[in-house]
């Protein structure tokens, strides 16, 4: 599942570490999600979408 997390994160000027702290996961988890090596849980996907000011549908296509 391709995602746009890195694109949204860069637009908002948020580091992987900052984003990971906001959603309570490790920086490595954010990195793995961005590189399509890990699919987040639905609750994590909603948290990411909320912080990045988008929808889950738009974030994951």
PDB file of N, CA and C in Angstrom:
ATOM      1  N   UNK A   1       0.844  -1.170   0.000  1.00  0.00           N
ATOM      2  CA  UNK A   1       0.000   0.000   0.000  1.00  0.00           C
ATOM      3  C   UNK A   1       0.896   1.243   0.000  1.00  0.00           C
ATOM      4  N   UNK A   2       0.820   2.028  -1.050  1.00  0.00           N
ATOM      5  CA  UNK A   2       1.632   3.228  -1.148  1.00  0.00           C
ATOM      6  C   UNK A   2       1.036   4.324  -0.262  1.00  0.00           C
ATOM      7  N   UNK A   3       1.903   5.128   0.318  1.00  0.00           N
ATOM      8  CA  UNK A   3       1.406   6.205   1.179  1.00  0.00           C
ATOM      9  C   UNK A   3       2.139   7.512   0.890  1.00  0.00           C
ATOM     10  N   UNK A   4       1.557   8.594   1.404  1.00  0.00           N
ATOM     11  CA  UNK A   4       2.097   9.934   1.190  1.00  0.00           C
ATOM     12  C   UNK A   4       2.573  10.566   2.501  1.00  0.00           C
ATOM     13  N   UNK A   5       2.901   9.748   3.471  1.00  0.00           N
ATOM     14  CA  UNK A   5       3.283  10.276   4.787  1.00  0.00           C
ATOM     15  C   UNK A   5       4.501  11.186   4.685  1.00  0.00           C
ATOM     16  N   UNK A   6       5.526  10.739   3.987  1.00  0.00           N
ATOM     17  CA  UNK A   6       6.748  11.540   3.878  1.00  0.00           C
ATOM     18  C   UNK A   6       6.451  12.893   3.223  1.00  0.00           C
ATOM     19  N   UNK A   7       5.647  12.873   2.177  1.00  0.00           N
ATOM     20  CA  UNK A   7       5.285  14.107   1.477  1.00  0.00           C
ATOM     21  C   UNK A   7       4.565  15.082   2.413  1.00  0.00           C
ATOM     22  N   UNK A   8       3.568  14.607   3.134  1.00  0.00           N
ATOM     23  CA  UNK A   8       2.836  15.467   4.071  1.00  0.00           C
ATOM     24  C   UNK A   8       3.735  15.921   5.216  1.00  0.00           C
ATOM     25  N   UNK A   9       4.575  15.019   5.701  1.00  0.00           N
ATOM     26  CA  UNK A   9       5.463  15.351   6.819  1.00  0.00           C
ATOM     27  C   UNK A   9       6.440  16.444   6.416  1.00  0.00           C
ATOM     28  N   UNK A  10       7.009  16.336   5.227  1.00  0.00           N
ATOM     29  CA  UNK A  10       7.961  17.351   4.749  1.00  0.00           C
ATOM     30  C   UNK A  10       7.265  18.697   4.550  1.00  0.00           C
ATOM     31  N   UNK A  11       6.038  18.675   4.014  1.00  0.00           N
ATOM     32  CA  UNK A  11       5.276  19.911   3.807  1.00  0.00           C
ATOM     33  C   UNK A  11       5.049  20.634   5.135  1.00  0.00           C
ATOM     34  N   UNK A  12       4.766  19.862   6.180  1.00  0.00           N
ATOM     35  CA  UNK A  12       4.523  20.443   7.505  1.00  0.00           C
ATOM     36  C   UNK A  12       5.814  20.663   8.289  1.00  0.00           C
ATOM     37  N   UNK A  13       6.950  20.295   7.693  1.00  0.00           N
ATOM     38  CA  UNK A  13       8.263  20.439   8.322  1.00  0.00           C
ATOM     39  C   UNK A  13       8.325  19.738   9.683  1.00  0.00           C
ATOM     40  N   UNK A  14       7.870  18.480   9.678  1.00  0.00           N
ATOM     41  CA  UNK A  14       7.887  17.653  10.879  1.00  0.00           C
ATOM     42  C   UNK A  14       8.902  16.527  10.651  1.00  0.00           C
ATOM     43  N   UNK A  15       9.772  16.317  11.603  1.00  0.00           N
ATOM     44  CA  UNK A  15      10.752  15.234  11.479  1.00  0.00           C
ATOM     45  C   UNK A  15      10.090  13.893  11.785  1.00  0.00           C
ATOM     46  N   UNK A  16      10.736  12.823  11.383  1.00  0.00           N
ATOM     47  CA  UNK A  16      10.229  11.492  11.716  1.00  0.00           C
ATOM     48  C   UNK A  16      10.136  11.320  13.223  1.00  0.00           C
ATOM     49  N   UNK A  17      11.125  11.834  13.933  1.00  0.00           N
ATOM     50  CA  UNK A  17      11.138  11.704  15.392  1.00  0.00           C
ATOM     51  C   UNK A  17       9.953  12.437  16.014  1.00  0.00           C
ATOM     52  N   UNK A  18       9.712  13.661  15.584  1.00  0.00           N
ATOM     53  CA  UNK A  18       8.599  14.442  16.131  1.00  0.00           C
ATOM     54  C   UNK A  18       7.274  13.751  15.852  1.00  0.00           C
ATOM     55  N   UNK A  19       7.100  13.288  14.614  1.00  0.00           N
ATOM     56  CA  UNK A  19       5.861  12.598  14.257  1.00  0.00           C
ATOM     57  C   UNK A  19       5.699  11.330  15.082  1.00  0.00           C
ATOM     58  N   UNK A  20       6.773  10.599  15.255  1.00  0.00           N
ATOM     59  CA  UNK A  20       6.699   9.350  16.023  1.00  0.00           C
ATOM     60  C   UNK A  20       6.305   9.625  17.475  1.00  0.00           C
ATOM     61  N   UNK A  21       6.833  10.693  18.047  1.00  0.00           N
ATOM     62  CA  UNK A  21       6.490  11.045  19.428  1.00  0.00           C
ATOM     63  C   UNK A  21       5.018  11.436  19.547  1.00  0.00           C
ATOM     64  N   UNK A  22       4.491  12.104  18.528  1.00  0.00           N
ATOM     65  CA  UNK A  22       3.095  12.538  18.569  1.00  0.00           C
ATOM     66  C   UNK A  22       2.117  11.374  18.473  1.00  0.00           C
ATOM     67  N   UNK A  23       2.523  10.299  17.790  1.00  0.00           N
ATOM     68  CA  UNK A  23       1.629   9.150  17.652  1.00  0.00           C
ATOM     69  C   UNK A  23       2.052   7.969  18.531  1.00  0.00           C
ATOM     70  N   UNK A  24       3.083   8.183  19.342  1.00  0.00           N
ATOM     71  CA  UNK A  24       3.527   7.209  20.330  1.00  0.00           C
ATOM     72  C   UNK A  24       4.036   5.896  19.717  1.00  0.00           C
ATOM     73  N   UNK A  25       4.886   6.032  18.684  1.00  0.00           N
ATOM     74  CA  UNK A  25       5.592   4.878  18.112  1.00  0.00           C
ATOM     75  C   UNK A  25       7.056   5.281  17.960  1.00  0.00           C
ATOM     76  N   UNK A  26       7.899   4.343  17.571  1.00  0.00           N
ATOM     77  CA  UNK A  26       9.311   4.668  17.395  1.00  0.00           C
ATOM     78  C   UNK A  26       9.548   5.366  16.051  1.00  0.00           C
ATOM     79  N   UNK A  27      10.660   6.066  15.955  1.00  0.00           N
ATOM     80  CA  UNK A  27      11.028   6.714  14.698  1.00  0.00           C
ATOM     81  C   UNK A  27      11.210   5.664  13.612  1.00  0.00           C
ATOM     82  N   UNK A  28      11.722   4.506  13.998  1.00  0.00           N
ATOM     83  CA  UNK A  28      11.930   3.419  13.042  1.00  0.00           C
ATOM     84  C   UNK A  28      10.605   2.936  12.451  1.00  0.00           C
ATOM     85  N   UNK A  29       9.552   2.975  13.245  1.00  0.00           N
ATOM     86  CA  UNK A  29       8.232   2.582  12.742  1.00  0.00           C
ATOM     87  C   UNK A  29       7.759   3.562  11.675  1.00  0.00           C
ATOM     88  N   UNK A  30       7.948   4.854  11.917  1.00  0.00           N
ATOM     89  CA  UNK A  30       7.565   5.860  10.920  1.00  0.00           C
ATOM     90  C   UNK A  30       8.373   5.646   9.647  1.00  0.00           C
ATOM     91  N   UNK A  31       9.661   5.394   9.802  1.00  0.00           N
ATOM     92  CA  UNK A  31      10.515   5.150   8.649  1.00  0.00           C
ATOM     93  C   UNK A  31      10.037   3.925   7.865  1.00  0.00           C
ATOM     94  N   UNK A  32       9.703   2.853   8.561  1.00  0.00           N
ATOM     95  CA  UNK A  32       9.241   1.632   7.900  1.00  0.00           C
ATOM     96  C   UNK A  32       7.917   1.866   7.172  1.00  0.00           C
ATOM     97  N   UNK A  33       7.023   2.638   7.778  1.00  0.00           N
ATOM     98  CA  UNK A  33       5.744   2.945   7.124  1.00  0.00           C
ATOM     99  C   UNK A  33       5.986   3.768   5.864  1.00  0.00           C
ATOM    100  N   UNK A  34       6.835   4.786   5.967  1.00  0.00           N
ATOM    101  CA  UNK A  34       7.130   5.641   4.811  1.00  0.00           C
ATOM    102  C   UNK A  34       7.748   4.846   3.663  1.00  0.00           C
ATOM    103  N   UNK A  35       8.519   3.827   3.993  1.00  0.00           N
ATOM    104  CA  UNK A  35       9.183   3.018   2.977  1.00  0.00           C
ATOM    105  C   UNK A  35       8.396   1.757   2.598  1.00  0.00           C
ATOM    106  N   UNK A  36       7.120   1.747   2.977  1.00  0.00           N
ATOM    107  CA  UNK A  36       6.214   0.647   2.635  1.00  0.00           C
ATOM    108  C   UNK A  36       6.697  -0.717   3.103  1.00  0.00           C
ATOM    109  N   UNK A  37       7.384  -0.733   4.247  1.00  0.00           N
ATOM    110  CA  UNK A  37       7.854  -1.990   4.827  1.00  0.00           C
ATOM    111  C   UNK A  37       6.985  -2.431   6.008  1.00  0.00           C
ATOM    112  N   UNK A  38       6.023  -1.570   6.380  1.00  0.00           N
ATOM    113  CA  UNK A  38       5.150  -1.862   7.515  1.00  0.00           C
ATOM    114  C   UNK A  38       3.819  -1.167   7.281  1.00  0.00           C
ATOM    115  N   UNK A  39       2.734  -1.905   7.438  1.00  0.00           N
ATOM    116  CA  UNK A  39       1.397  -1.320   7.324  1.00  0.00           C
ATOM    117  C   UNK A  39       0.911  -0.975   8.724  1.00  0.00           C
ATOM    118  N   UNK A  40       0.572   0.294   8.946  1.00  0.00           N
ATOM    119  CA  UNK A  40       0.123   0.701  10.287  1.00  0.00           C
ATOM    120  C   UNK A  40      -1.260   0.146  10.610  1.00  0.00           C
ATOM    121  N   UNK A  41      -1.536   0.059  11.889  1.00  0.00           N
ATOM    122  CA  UNK A  41      -2.883  -0.326  12.318  1.00  0.00           C
ATOM    123  C   UNK A  41      -3.842   0.786  11.914  1.00  0.00           C
ATOM    124  N   UNK A  42      -5.119   0.485  11.932  1.00  0.00           N
ATOM    125  CA  UNK A  42      -6.112   1.490  11.561  1.00  0.00           C
ATOM    126  C   UNK A  42      -6.079   2.678  12.525  1.00  0.00           C
ATOM    127  N   UNK A  43      -5.919   2.411  13.811  1.00  0.00           N
ATOM    128  CA  UNK A  43      -5.875   3.514  14.775  1.00  0.00           C
ATOM    129  C   UNK A  43      -4.647   4.391  14.554  1.00  0.00           C
ATOM    130  N   UNK A  44      -3.507   3.786  14.220  1.00  0.00           N
ATOM    131  CA  UNK A  44      -2.302   4.566  13.936  1.00  0.00           C
ATOM    132  C   UNK A  44      -2.490   5.384  12.661  1.00  0.00           C
ATOM    133  N   UNK A  45      -3.122   4.793  11.664  1.00  0.00           N
ATOM    134  CA  UNK A  45      -3.383   5.518  10.412  1.00  0.00           C
ATOM    135  C   UNK A  45      -4.231   6.753  10.673  1.00  0.00           C
ATOM    136  N   UNK A  46      -5.249   6.625  11.525  1.00  0.00           N
ATOM    137  CA  UNK A  46      -6.097   7.778  11.854  1.00  0.00           C
ATOM    138  C   UNK A  46      -5.318   8.843  12.617  1.00  0.00           C
ATOM    139  N   UNK A  47      -4.434   8.424  13.524  1.00  0.00           N
ATOM    140  CA  UNK A  47      -3.603   9.383  14.266  1.00  0.00           C
ATOM    141  C   UNK A  47      -2.677  10.144  13.316  1.00  0.00           C
ATOM    142  N   UNK A  48      -2.059   9.415  12.388  1.00  0.00           N
ATOM    143  CA  UNK A  48      -1.158  10.048  11.423  1.00  0.00           C
ATOM    144  C   UNK A  48      -1.918  11.053  10.559  1.00  0.00           C
ATOM    145  N   UNK A  49      -3.086  10.658  10.084  1.00  0.00           N
ATOM    146  CA  UNK A  49      -3.894  11.540   9.236  1.00  0.00           C
ATOM    147  C   UNK A  49      -4.292  12.803   9.992  1.00  0.00           C
ATOM    148  N   UNK A  50      -4.661  12.652  11.248  1.00  0.00           N
ATOM    149  CA  UNK A  50      -5.072  13.816  12.049  1.00  0.00           C
ATOM    150  C   UNK A  50      -3.911  14.783  12.224  1.00  0.00           C
ATOM    151  N   UNK A  51      -2.747  14.293  12.572  1.00  0.00           N
ATOM    152  CA  UNK A  51      -1.585  15.153  12.789  1.00  0.00           C
ATOM    153  C   UNK A  51      -1.137  15.816  11.495  1.00  0.00           C
ATOM    154  N   UNK A  52      -1.272  15.107  10.375  1.00  0.00           N
ATOM    155  CA  UNK A  52      -0.841  15.634   9.092  1.00  0.00           C
ATOM    156  C   UNK A  52      -1.960  16.398   8.373  1.00  0.00           C
ATOM    157  N   UNK A  53      -3.077  16.613   9.062  1.00  0.00           N
ATOM    158  CA  UNK A  53      -4.212  17.393   8.528  1.00  0.00           C
ATOM    159  C   UNK A  53      -4.711  16.869   7.194  1.00  0.00           C
ATOM    160  N   UNK A  54      -4.968  15.576   7.137  1.00  0.00           N
ATOM    161  CA  UNK A  54      -5.517  14.967   5.927  1.00  0.00           C
ATOM    162  C   UNK A  54      -6.409  13.813   6.318  1.00  0.00           C
ATOM    163  N   UNK A  55      -6.886  13.090   5.336  1.00  0.00           N
ATOM    164  CA  UNK A  55      -7.731  11.926   5.610  1.00  0.00           C
ATOM    165  C   UNK A  55      -6.901  10.651   5.431  1.00  0.00           C
ATOM    166  N   UNK A  56      -7.362   9.579   6.010  1.00  0.00           N
ATOM    167  CA  UNK A  56      -6.692   8.301   5.856  1.00  0.00           C
ATOM    168  C   UNK A  56      -6.699   7.896   4.378  1.00  0.00           C
ATOM    169  N   UNK A  57      -7.844   8.134   3.717  1.00  0.00           N
ATOM    170  CA  UNK A  57      -7.961   7.796   2.293  1.00  0.00           C
ATOM    171  C   UNK A  57      -6.911   8.525   1.453  1.00  0.00           C
ATOM    172  N   UNK A  58      -6.685   9.795   1.760  1.00  0.00           N
ATOM    173  CA  UNK A  58      -5.701  10.566   0.993  1.00  0.00           C
ATOM    174  C   UNK A  58      -4.271  10.164   1.351  1.00  0.00           C
ATOM    175  N   UNK A  59      -4.043   9.840   2.595  1.00  0.00           N
ATOM    176  CA  UNK A  59      -2.711   9.480   3.055  1.00  0.00           C
ATOM    177  C   UNK A  59      -2.257   8.135   2.502  1.00  0.00           C
ATOM    178  N   UNK A  60      -3.182   7.205   2.402  1.00  0.00           N
ATOM    179  CA  UNK A  60      -2.875   5.856   1.904  1.00  0.00           C
ATOM    180  C   UNK A  60      -3.676   5.585   0.648  1.00  0.00           C
ATOM    181  N   UNK A  61      -3.000   5.400  -0.467  1.00  0.00           N
ATOM    182  CA  UNK A  61      -3.725   5.142  -1.726  1.00  0.00           C
ATOM    183  C   UNK A  61      -3.225   3.886  -2.401  1.00  0.00           C
TER     184      UNK A  61
END
